[in-house]
Amino acid sequence: MDAICVHQDNPITAGKLDGDIVECPSHFWHYNIKTGELQDYLKGVKLQTYPVEERADGIYIDLQQ
């Protein structure tokens, strides 16, 4: 998932994680980390997500999407 909140382009990397939901630390918007969908306010707004695969030798993220 992209690490920048769509509201004023603030980073969400320091946000609180509760299950599948991360909270933007700047303005407290909530995103589903699996789908990227914003849980409050604007319907249909989402962050870009990327396929992730766990293998024996590491975790792989497909950034070609």
C-alpha atoms as a PDB file:
ATOM      1  CA  MET A   1       0.000   0.000   0.000  1.00  0.00           C
ATOM      2  CA  ASP A   2       1.222   3.506  -0.695  1.00  0.00           C
ATOM      3  CA  ALA A   3       2.589   5.231   2.403  1.00  0.00           C
ATOM      4  CA  ILE A   4       1.103   8.686   1.775  1.00  0.00           C
ATOM      5  CA  CYS A   5      -2.371   9.685   2.984  1.00  0.00           C
ATOM      6  CA  VAL A   6      -4.560  11.215   0.259  1.00  0.00           C
ATOM      7  CA  HIS A   7      -5.428  14.042   2.665  1.00  0.00           C
ATOM      8  CA  GLN A   8      -2.664  16.642   2.394  1.00  0.00           C
ATOM      9  CA  ASP A   9      -0.046  14.047   1.318  1.00  0.00           C
ATOM     10  CA  ASN A  10       1.084  13.171   4.845  1.00  0.00           C
ATOM     11  CA  PRO A  11       3.023   9.936   5.540  1.00  0.00           C
ATOM     12  CA  ILE A  12       1.115   7.155   7.298  1.00  0.00           C
ATOM     13  CA  THR A  13       4.164   5.040   8.149  1.00  0.00           C
ATOM     14  CA  ALA A  14       4.067   6.106  11.816  1.00  0.00           C
ATOM     15  CA  GLY A  15       0.327   5.461  12.069  1.00  0.00           C
ATOM     16  CA  LYS A  16      -1.293   3.127  14.586  1.00  0.00           C
ATOM     17  CA  LEU A  17      -2.202  -0.327  13.271  1.00  0.00           C
ATOM     18  CA  ASP A  18      -5.324  -2.060  14.615  1.00  0.00           C
ATOM     19  CA  GLY A  19      -5.957  -5.337  12.805  1.00  0.00           C
ATOM     20  CA  ASP A  20      -6.230  -4.494   9.096  1.00  0.00           C
ATOM     21  CA  ILE A  21      -6.721  -0.757   9.714  1.00  0.00           C
ATOM     22  CA  VAL A  22      -3.947   1.851   9.846  1.00  0.00           C
ATOM     23  CA  GLU A  23      -4.632   5.339  11.170  1.00  0.00           C
ATOM     24  CA  CYS A  24      -2.952   8.362   9.596  1.00  0.00           C
ATOM     25  CA  PRO A  25      -1.104  10.084  12.469  1.00  0.00           C
ATOM     26  CA  SER A  26      -1.694  13.565  11.022  1.00  0.00           C
ATOM     27  CA  HIS A  27      -5.486  13.740  10.691  1.00  0.00           C
ATOM     28  CA  PHE A  28      -6.664  10.311  11.900  1.00  0.00           C
ATOM     29  CA  TRP A  29      -8.066   9.001   8.609  1.00  0.00           C
ATOM     30  CA  HIS A  30      -8.283   5.189   8.525  1.00  0.00           C
ATOM     31  CA  TYR A  31      -7.231   2.861   5.692  1.00  0.00           C
ATOM     32  CA  ASN A  32      -7.636  -0.877   5.227  1.00  0.00           C
ATOM     33  CA  ILE A  33      -4.085  -2.175   4.673  1.00  0.00           C
ATOM     34  CA  LYS A  34      -5.282  -5.081   2.501  1.00  0.00           C
ATOM     35  CA  THR A  35      -7.489  -3.093   0.111  1.00  0.00           C
ATOM     36  CA  GLY A  36      -6.149   0.448   0.541  1.00  0.00           C
ATOM     37  CA  GLU A  37      -9.725   1.715   0.946  1.00  0.00           C
ATOM     38  CA  LEU A  38     -10.380   4.793   3.052  1.00  0.00           C
ATOM     39  CA  GLN A  39     -12.736   3.798   5.859  1.00  0.00           C
ATOM     40  CA  ASP A  40     -14.035   7.279   6.710  1.00  0.00           C
ATOM     41  CA  TYR A  41     -15.314  10.262   4.802  1.00  0.00           C
ATOM     42  CA  LEU A  42     -14.919   9.774   1.032  1.00  0.00           C
ATOM     43  CA  LYS A  43     -16.375   6.592  -0.480  1.00  0.00           C
ATOM     44  CA  GLY A  44     -14.332   5.093  -3.307  1.00  0.00           C
ATOM     45  CA  VAL A  45     -11.053   6.723  -2.243  1.00  0.00           C
ATOM     46  CA  LYS A  46      -8.167   4.305  -1.809  1.00  0.00           C
ATOM     47  CA  LEU A  47      -4.412   4.031  -1.733  1.00  0.00           C
ATOM     48  CA  GLN A  48      -2.573   1.896  -4.284  1.00  0.00           C
ATOM     49  CA  THR A  49      -1.981  -1.636  -3.009  1.00  0.00           C
ATOM     50  CA  TYR A  50       0.602  -4.149  -4.198  1.00  0.00           C
ATOM     51  CA  PRO A  51       0.614  -7.965  -4.241  1.00  0.00           C
ATOM     52  CA  VAL A  52       2.787  -9.424  -1.470  1.00  0.00           C
ATOM     53  CA  GLU A  53       4.167 -12.962  -1.355  1.00  0.00           C
ATOM     54  CA  GLU A  54       5.935 -14.583   1.573  1.00  0.00           C
ATOM     55  CA  ARG A  55       8.597 -17.125   0.573  1.00  0.00           C
ATOM     56  CA  ALA A  56      11.155 -19.124   2.554  1.00  0.00           C
ATOM     57  CA  ASP A  57      13.878 -16.630   1.587  1.00  0.00           C
ATOM     58  CA  GLY A  58      11.951 -13.423   2.231  1.00  0.00           C
ATOM     59  CA  ILE A  59       8.932 -11.265   1.517  1.00  0.00           C
ATOM     60  CA  TYR A  60       8.380 -10.095  -2.060  1.00  0.00           C
ATOM     61  CA  ILE A  61       6.334  -7.082  -3.169  1.00  0.00           C
ATOM     62  CA  ASP A  62       5.291  -6.751  -6.820  1.00  0.00           C
ATOM     63  CA  LEU A  63       5.778  -3.056  -7.611  1.00  0.00           C
ATOM     64  CA  GLN A  64       5.010  -3.529 -11.314  1.00  0.00           C
ATOM     65  CA  GLN A  65       1.283  -2.936 -10.754  1.00  0.00           C
END
